[in-house]
Amino acid sequence: MARDVIRAAIFLLLLCVPFSFCMERLLIASPSIYKTDRWMVAIFLFMMLVLWSFTRHFESAPSPLIIVLAFAIILMSCV
């Protein structure tokens, strides 16, 4: 059960990456790539905090920080 919870939370975080890109393009549309990256990271962190506070995935996980670390490892390995 814990493994499924962690996988679902990582999947939700993976979905936040394209969402943060689309929201940055729709709401801000900054011309500089550096500002675009900063806004994307800010929107992603905001969404991660929203998921952390409103979903039960992070509450029922044995260690919620492990979810964030697993997501970071997956993201860095894809790049």
PDB file of N, CA and C in Angstrom:
ATOM      1  N   MET A   1       0.821  -1.191   0.000  1.00  0.00           N
ATOM      2  CA  MET A   1       0.000   0.000   0.000  1.00  0.00           C
ATOM      3  C   MET A   1       0.869   1.259   0.000  1.00  0.00           C
ATOM      4  N   ALA A   2       1.929   1.239   0.790  1.00  0.00           N
ATOM      5  CA  ALA A   2       2.803   2.413   0.852  1.00  0.00           C
ATOM      6  C   ALA A   2       3.503   2.644  -0.484  1.00  0.00           C
ATOM      7  N   ARG A   3       3.848   1.577  -1.164  1.00  0.00           N
ATOM      8  CA  ARG A   3       4.501   1.710  -2.463  1.00  0.00           C
ATOM      9  C   ARG A   3       3.564   2.369  -3.484  1.00  0.00           C
ATOM     10  N   ASP A   4       2.309   1.995  -3.465  1.00  0.00           N
ATOM     11  CA  ASP A   4       1.340   2.605  -4.379  1.00  0.00           C
ATOM     12  C   ASP A   4       1.120   4.076  -4.059  1.00  0.00           C
ATOM     13  N   VAL A   5       1.101   4.411  -2.793  1.00  0.00           N
ATOM     14  CA  VAL A   5       0.932   5.806  -2.387  1.00  0.00           C
ATOM     15  C   VAL A   5       2.109   6.639  -2.873  1.00  0.00           C
ATOM     16  N   ILE A   6       3.308   6.122  -2.722  1.00  0.00           N
ATOM     17  CA  ILE A   6       4.500   6.850  -3.156  1.00  0.00           C
ATOM     18  C   ILE A   6       4.508   7.000  -4.673  1.00  0.00           C
ATOM     19  N   ARG A   7       4.143   5.948  -5.391  1.00  0.00           N
ATOM     20  CA  ARG A   7       4.089   6.039  -6.857  1.00  0.00           C
ATOM     21  C   ARG A   7       3.056   7.059  -7.325  1.00  0.00           C
ATOM     22  N   ALA A   8       1.914   7.092  -6.671  1.00  0.00           N
ATOM     23  CA  ALA A   8       0.875   8.053  -7.048  1.00  0.00           C
ATOM     24  C   ALA A   8       1.337   9.483  -6.773  1.00  0.00           C
ATOM     25  N   ALA A   9       2.003   9.709  -5.664  1.00  0.00           N
ATOM     26  CA  ALA A   9       2.492  11.051  -5.349  1.00  0.00           C
ATOM     27  C   ALA A   9       3.565  11.489  -6.336  1.00  0.00           C
ATOM     28  N   ILE A  10       4.448  10.594  -6.714  1.00  0.00           N
ATOM     29  CA  ILE A  10       5.477  10.917  -7.703  1.00  0.00           C
ATOM     30  C   ILE A  10       4.833  11.208  -9.052  1.00  0.00           C
ATOM     31  N   PHE A  11       3.810  10.442  -9.404  1.00  0.00           N
ATOM     32  CA  PHE A  11       3.094  10.693 -10.655  1.00  0.00           C
ATOM     33  C   PHE A  11       2.451  12.082 -10.649  1.00  0.00           C
ATOM     34  N   LEU A  12       1.849  12.464  -9.536  1.00  0.00           N
ATOM     35  CA  LEU A  12       1.257  13.802  -9.436  1.00  0.00           C
ATOM     36  C   LEU A  12       2.316  14.890  -9.574  1.00  0.00           C
ATOM     37  N   LEU A  13       3.470  14.670  -8.981  1.00  0.00           N
ATOM     38  CA  LEU A  13       4.548  15.654  -9.105  1.00  0.00           C
ATOM     39  C   LEU A  13       5.073  15.714 -10.537  1.00  0.00           C
ATOM     40  N   LEU A  14       5.124  14.578 -11.212  1.00  0.00           N
ATOM     41  CA  LEU A  14       5.547  14.582 -12.610  1.00  0.00           C
ATOM     42  C   LEU A  14       4.558  15.333 -13.488  1.00  0.00           C
ATOM     43  N   LEU A  15       3.291  15.266 -13.149  1.00  0.00           N
ATOM     44  CA  LEU A  15       2.288  16.015 -13.901  1.00  0.00           C
ATOM     45  C   LEU A  15       2.386  17.519 -13.636  1.00  0.00           C
ATOM     46  N   CYS A  16       2.961  17.899 -12.530  1.00  0.00           N
ATOM     47  CA  CYS A  16       3.109  19.327 -12.209  1.00  0.00           C
ATOM     48  C   CYS A  16       4.174  20.011 -13.071  1.00  0.00           C
ATOM     49  N   VAL A  17       5.088  19.252 -13.641  1.00  0.00           N
ATOM     50  CA  VAL A  17       6.143  19.858 -14.463  1.00  0.00           C
ATOM     51  C   VAL A  17       5.570  20.488 -15.735  1.00  0.00           C
ATOM     52  N   PRO A  18       4.823  19.758 -16.562  1.00  0.00           N
ATOM     53  CA  PRO A  18       4.243  20.425 -17.742  1.00  0.00           C
ATOM     54  C   PRO A  18       3.192  21.465 -17.365  1.00  0.00           C
ATOM     55  N   PHE A  19       2.509  21.223 -16.246  1.00  0.00           N
ATOM     56  CA  PHE A  19       1.529  22.208 -15.790  1.00  0.00           C
ATOM     57  C   PHE A  19       2.207  23.532 -15.450  1.00  0.00           C
ATOM     58  N   SER A  20       3.343  23.478 -14.779  1.00  0.00           N
ATOM     59  CA  SER A  20       4.041  24.720 -14.418  1.00  0.00           C
ATOM     60  C   SER A  20       4.563  25.436 -15.666  1.00  0.00           C
ATOM     61  N   PHE A  21       4.998  24.668 -16.657  1.00  0.00           N
ATOM     62  CA  PHE A  21       5.438  25.303 -17.906  1.00  0.00           C
ATOM     63  C   PHE A  21       4.271  25.997 -18.607  1.00  0.00           C
ATOM     64  N   CYS A  22       3.144  25.301 -18.706  1.00  0.00           N
ATOM     65  CA  CYS A  22       1.977  25.888 -19.384  1.00  0.00           C
ATOM     66  C   CYS A  22       1.440  27.094 -18.632  1.00  0.00           C
ATOM     67  N   MET A  23       1.408  27.025 -17.318  1.00  0.00           N
ATOM     68  CA  MET A  23       0.911  28.161 -16.545  1.00  0.00           C
ATOM     69  C   MET A  23       1.851  29.355 -16.656  1.00  0.00           C
ATOM     70  N   GLU A  24       3.148  29.112 -16.720  1.00  0.00           N
ATOM     71  CA  GLU A  24       4.088  30.222 -16.899  1.00  0.00           C
ATOM     72  C   GLU A  24       3.873  30.876 -18.254  1.00  0.00           C
ATOM     73  N   ARG A  25       3.664  30.079 -19.287  1.00  0.00           N
ATOM     74  CA  ARG A  25       3.435  30.642 -20.617  1.00  0.00           C
ATOM     75  C   ARG A  25       2.106  31.384 -20.693  1.00  0.00           C
ATOM     76  N   LEU A  26       1.088  30.879 -20.028  1.00  0.00           N
ATOM     77  CA  LEU A  26      -0.225  31.512 -20.075  1.00  0.00           C
ATOM     78  C   LEU A  26      -0.306  32.778 -19.218  1.00  0.00           C
ATOM     79  N   LEU A  27       0.244  32.732 -18.018  1.00  0.00           N
ATOM     80  CA  LEU A  27       0.070  33.842 -17.087  1.00  0.00           C
ATOM     81  C   LEU A  27       1.155  34.906 -17.175  1.00  0.00           C
ATOM     82  N   ILE A  28       2.401  34.488 -17.353  1.00  0.00           N
ATOM     83  CA  ILE A  28       3.507  35.430 -17.252  1.00  0.00           C
ATOM     84  C   ILE A  28       4.150  35.693 -18.608  1.00  0.00           C
ATOM     85  N   ALA A  29       4.530  34.649 -19.295  1.00  0.00           N
ATOM     86  CA  ALA A  29       5.161  34.721 -20.623  1.00  0.00           C
ATOM     87  C   ALA A  29       6.356  35.660 -20.633  1.00  0.00           C
ATOM     88  N   SER A  30       7.296  35.410 -19.753  1.00  0.00           N
ATOM     89  CA  SER A  30       8.486  36.251 -19.682  1.00  0.00           C
ATOM     90  C   SER A  30       9.390  35.996 -20.886  1.00  0.00           C
ATOM     91  N   PRO A  31      10.018  37.044 -21.418  1.00  0.00           N
ATOM     92  CA  PRO A  31      10.833  36.889 -22.625  1.00  0.00           C
ATOM     93  C   PRO A  31      12.195  36.239 -22.365  1.00  0.00           C
ATOM     94  N   SER A  32      12.690  36.314 -21.158  1.00  0.00           N
ATOM     95  CA  SER A  32      14.006  35.759 -20.835  1.00  0.00           C
ATOM     96  C   SER A  32      13.872  34.311 -20.390  1.00  0.00           C
ATOM     97  N   ILE A  33      14.790  33.468 -20.835  1.00  0.00           N
ATOM     98  CA  ILE A  33      14.752  32.058 -20.454  1.00  0.00           C
ATOM     99  C   ILE A  33      15.040  31.893 -18.968  1.00  0.00           C
ATOM    100  N   TYR A  34      15.853  32.769 -18.396  1.00  0.00           N
ATOM    101  CA  TYR A  34      16.177  32.687 -16.975  1.00  0.00           C
ATOM    102  C   TYR A  34      14.952  33.021 -16.119  1.00  0.00           C
ATOM    103  N   LYS A  35      14.204  34.025 -16.532  1.00  0.00           N
ATOM    104  CA  LYS A  35      12.985  34.371 -15.805  1.00  0.00           C
ATOM    105  C   LYS A  35      11.923  33.288 -15.987  1.00  0.00           C
ATOM    106  N   THR A  36      11.887  32.696 -17.171  1.00  0.00           N
ATOM    107  CA  THR A  36      10.958  31.597 -17.410  1.00  0.00           C
ATOM    108  C   THR A  36      11.256  30.439 -16.469  1.00  0.00           C
ATOM    109  N   ASP A  37      12.531  30.089 -16.333  1.00  0.00           N
ATOM    110  CA  ASP A  37      12.913  28.999 -15.434  1.00  0.00           C
ATOM    111  C   ASP A  37      12.563  29.322 -13.995  1.00  0.00           C
ATOM    112  N   ARG A  38      12.810  30.536 -13.575  1.00  0.00           N
ATOM    113  CA  ARG A  38      12.494  30.925 -12.192  1.00  0.00           C
ATOM    114  C   ARG A  38      10.997  30.844 -11.930  1.00  0.00           C
ATOM    115  N   TRP A  39      10.198  31.330 -12.862  1.00  0.00           N
ATOM    116  CA  TRP A  39       8.754  31.281 -12.685  1.00  0.00           C
ATOM    117  C   TRP A  39       8.245  29.844 -12.703  1.00  0.00           C
ATOM    118  N   MET A  40       8.827  29.012 -13.560  1.00  0.00           N
ATOM    119  CA  MET A  40       8.418  27.611 -13.590  1.00  0.00           C
ATOM    120  C   MET A  40       8.708  26.927 -12.266  1.00  0.00           C
ATOM    121  N   VAL A  41       9.871  27.180 -11.711  1.00  0.00           N
ATOM    122  CA  VAL A  41      10.229  26.592 -10.423  1.00  0.00           C
ATOM    123  C   VAL A  41       9.305  27.114  -9.325  1.00  0.00           C
ATOM    124  N   ALA A  42       8.997  28.393  -9.362  1.00  0.00           N
ATOM    125  CA  ALA A  42       8.105  28.966  -8.353  1.00  0.00           C
ATOM    126  C   ALA A  42       6.704  28.357  -8.441  1.00  0.00           C
ATOM    127  N   ILE A  43       6.188  28.205  -9.655  1.00  0.00           N
ATOM    128  CA  ILE A  43       4.858  27.610  -9.824  1.00  0.00           C
ATOM    129  C   ILE A  43       4.880  26.139  -9.408  1.00  0.00           C
ATOM    130  N   PHE A  44       5.957  25.440  -9.753  1.00  0.00           N
ATOM    131  CA  PHE A  44       6.063  24.033  -9.358  1.00  0.00           C
ATOM    132  C   PHE A  44       6.110  23.895  -7.839  1.00  0.00           C
ATOM    133  N   LEU A  45       6.900  24.725  -7.167  1.00  0.00           N
ATOM    134  CA  LEU A  45       6.973  24.649  -5.712  1.00  0.00           C
ATOM    135  C   LEU A  45       5.632  24.981  -5.069  1.00  0.00           C
ATOM    136  N   PHE A  46       4.927  25.946  -5.643  1.00  0.00           N
ATOM    137  CA  PHE A  46       3.598  26.264  -5.130  1.00  0.00           C
ATOM    138  C   PHE A  46       2.659  25.075  -5.276  1.00  0.00           C
ATOM    139  N   MET A  47       2.690  24.437  -6.427  1.00  0.00           N
ATOM    140  CA  MET A  47       1.824  23.281  -6.640  1.00  0.00           C
ATOM    141  C   MET A  47       2.220  22.108  -5.739  1.00  0.00           C
ATOM    142  N   MET A  48       3.515  21.956  -5.498  1.00  0.00           N
ATOM    143  CA  MET A  48       3.963  20.899  -4.608  1.00  0.00           C
ATOM    144  C   MET A  48       3.461  21.162  -3.184  1.00  0.00           C
ATOM    145  N   LEU A  49       3.497  22.413  -2.760  1.00  0.00           N
ATOM    146  CA  LEU A  49       2.968  22.738  -1.433  1.00  0.00           C
ATOM    147  C   LEU A  49       1.464  22.521  -1.356  1.00  0.00           C
ATOM    148  N   VAL A  50       0.761  22.833  -2.439  1.00  0.00           N
ATOM    149  CA  VAL A  50      -0.690  22.586  -2.471  1.00  0.00           C
ATOM    150  C   VAL A  50      -0.964  21.092  -2.385  1.00  0.00           C
ATOM    151  N   LEU A  51      -0.230  20.298  -3.162  1.00  0.00           N
ATOM    152  CA  LEU A  51      -0.410  18.849  -3.095  1.00  0.00           C
ATOM    153  C   LEU A  51      -0.049  18.307  -1.717  1.00  0.00           C
ATOM    154  N   TRP A  52       1.008  18.848  -1.137  1.00  0.00           N
ATOM    155  CA  TRP A  52       1.468  18.387   0.168  1.00  0.00           C
ATOM    156  C   TRP A  52       0.404  18.652   1.233  1.00  0.00           C
ATOM    157  N   SER A  53      -0.295  19.787   1.126  1.00  0.00           N
ATOM    158  CA  SER A  53      -1.249  20.138   2.173  1.00  0.00           C
ATOM    159  C   SER A  53      -2.651  19.567   1.941  1.00  0.00           C
ATOM    160  N   PHE A  54      -3.028  19.274   0.684  1.00  0.00           N
ATOM    161  CA  PHE A  54      -4.401  18.865   0.426  1.00  0.00           C
ATOM    162  C   PHE A  54      -4.586  17.409   0.033  1.00  0.00           C
ATOM    163  N   THR A  55      -3.536  16.719  -0.342  1.00  0.00           N
ATOM    164  CA  THR A  55      -3.718  15.313  -0.716  1.00  0.00           C
ATOM    165  C   THR A  55      -3.280  14.402   0.419  1.00  0.00           C
ATOM    166  N   ARG A  56      -3.828  13.219   0.433  1.00  0.00           N
ATOM    167  CA  ARG A  56      -3.503  12.271   1.488  1.00  0.00           C
ATOM    168  C   ARG A  56      -2.264  11.448   1.172  1.00  0.00           C
ATOM    169  N   HIS A  57      -1.703  11.614  -0.016  1.00  0.00           N
ATOM    170  CA  HIS A  57      -0.534  10.836  -0.393  1.00  0.00           C
ATOM    171  C   HIS A  57       0.636  11.130   0.532  1.00  0.00           C
ATOM    172  N   PHE A  58       0.840  12.394   0.825  1.00  0.00           N
ATOM    173  CA  PHE A  58       1.981  12.758   1.649  1.00  0.00           C
ATOM    174  C   PHE A  58       1.744  12.426   3.121  1.00  0.00           C
ATOM    175  N   GLU A  59       0.481  12.436   3.560  1.00  0.00           N
ATOM    176  CA  GLU A  59       0.181  12.095   4.942  1.00  0.00           C
ATOM    177  C   GLU A  59       0.375  10.610   5.218  1.00  0.00           C
ATOM    178  N   SER A  60      -0.049   9.780   4.284  1.00  0.00           N
ATOM    179  CA  SER A  60       0.002   8.346   4.522  1.00  0.00           C
ATOM    180  C   SER A  60       1.330   7.720   4.123  1.00  0.00           C
ATOM    181  N   ALA A  61       2.207   8.483   3.526  1.00  0.00           N
ATOM    182  CA  ALA A  61       3.522   7.940   3.172  1.00  0.00           C
ATOM    183  C   ALA A  61       4.365   7.786   4.437  1.00  0.00           C
ATOM    184  N   PRO A  62       5.196   6.765   4.469  1.00  0.00           N
ATOM    185  CA  PRO A  62       6.030   6.564   5.660  1.00  0.00           C
ATOM    186  C   PRO A  62       6.997   7.732   5.901  1.00  0.00           C
ATOM    187  N   SER A  63       7.509   8.293   4.825  1.00  0.00           N
ATOM    188  CA  SER A  63       8.419   9.430   4.929  1.00  0.00           C
ATOM    189  C   SER A  63       8.139  10.365   3.754  1.00  0.00           C
ATOM    190  N   PRO A  64       7.446  11.477   3.991  1.00  0.00           N
ATOM    191  CA  PRO A  64       7.059  12.350   2.880  1.00  0.00           C
ATOM    192  C   PRO A  64       8.243  12.967   2.141  1.00  0.00           C
ATOM    193  N   LEU A  65       9.345  13.162   2.815  1.00  0.00           N
ATOM    194  CA  LEU A  65      10.505  13.742   2.145  1.00  0.00           C
ATOM    195  C   LEU A  65      11.081  12.781   1.111  1.00  0.00           C
ATOM    196  N   ILE A  66      10.907  11.508   1.304  1.00  0.00           N
ATOM    197  CA  ILE A  66      11.384  10.513   0.342  1.00  0.00           C
ATOM    198  C   ILE A  66      10.682  10.694  -0.999  1.00  0.00           C
ATOM    199  N   ILE A  67       9.424  11.093  -0.987  1.00  0.00           N
ATOM    200  CA  ILE A  67       8.682  11.316  -2.229  1.00  0.00           C
ATOM    201  C   ILE A  67       9.322  12.439  -3.027  1.00  0.00           C
ATOM    202  N   VAL A  68       9.658  13.515  -2.351  1.00  0.00           N
ATOM    203  CA  VAL A  68      10.281  14.654  -3.030  1.00  0.00           C
ATOM    204  C   VAL A  68      11.658  14.267  -3.552  1.00  0.00           C
ATOM    205  N   LEU A  69      12.421  13.527  -2.775  1.00  0.00           N
ATOM    206  CA  LEU A  69      13.747  13.090  -3.224  1.00  0.00           C
ATOM    207  C   LEU A  69      13.642  12.122  -4.410  1.00  0.00           C
ATOM    208  N   ALA A  70      12.684  11.225  -4.385  1.00  0.00           N
ATOM    209  CA  ALA A  70      12.502  10.299  -5.503  1.00  0.00           C
ATOM    210  C   ALA A  70      12.122  11.056  -6.765  1.00  0.00           C
ATOM    211  N   PHE A  71      11.266  12.052  -6.626  1.00  0.00           N
ATOM    212  CA  PHE A  71      10.905  12.864  -7.778  1.00  0.00           C
ATOM    213  C   PHE A  71      12.119  13.595  -8.327  1.00  0.00           C
ATOM    214  N   ALA A  72      12.949  14.164  -7.467  1.00  0.00           N
ATOM    215  CA  ALA A  72      14.142  14.877  -7.914  1.00  0.00           C
ATOM    216  C   ALA A  72      15.107  13.939  -8.638  1.00  0.00           C
ATOM    217  N   ILE A  73      15.252  12.723  -8.146  1.00  0.00           N
ATOM    218  CA  ILE A  73      16.127  11.753  -8.786  1.00  0.00           C
ATOM    219  C   ILE A  73      15.589  11.372 -10.165  1.00  0.00           C
ATOM    220  N   ILE A  74      14.290  11.145 -10.258  1.00  0.00           N
ATOM    221  CA  ILE A  74      13.687  10.808 -11.554  1.00  0.00           C
ATOM    222  C   ILE A  74      13.838  11.950 -12.532  1.00  0.00           C
ATOM    223  N   LEU A  75      13.603  13.163 -12.073  1.00  0.00           N
ATOM    224  CA  LEU A  75      13.707  14.324 -12.948  1.00  0.00           C
ATOM    225  C   LEU A  75      15.138  14.537 -13.440  1.00  0.00           C
ATOM    226  N   MET A  76      16.107  14.387 -12.542  1.00  0.00           N
ATOM    227  CA  MET A  76      17.510  14.576 -12.951  1.00  0.00           C
ATOM    228  C   MET A  76      17.983  13.460 -13.874  1.00  0.00           C
ATOM    229  N   SER A  77      17.476  12.250 -13.694  1.00  0.00           N
ATOM    230  CA  SER A  77      17.897  11.171 -14.574  1.00  0.00           C
ATOM    231  C   SER A  77      17.292  11.314 -15.971  1.00  0.00           C
ATOM    232  N   CYS A  78      16.133  11.946 -16.070  1.00  0.00           N
ATOM    233  CA  CYS A  78      15.528  12.154 -17.382  1.00  0.00           C
ATOM    234  C   CYS A  78      16.249  13.241 -18.172  1.00  0.00           C
ATOM    235  N   VAL A  79      16.778  14.205 -17.483  1.00  0.00           N
ATOM    236  CA  VAL A  79      17.481  15.298 -18.163  1.00  0.00           C
ATOM    237  C   VAL A  79      18.793  14.763 -18.661  1.00  0.00           C
TER     238      VAL A  79
END
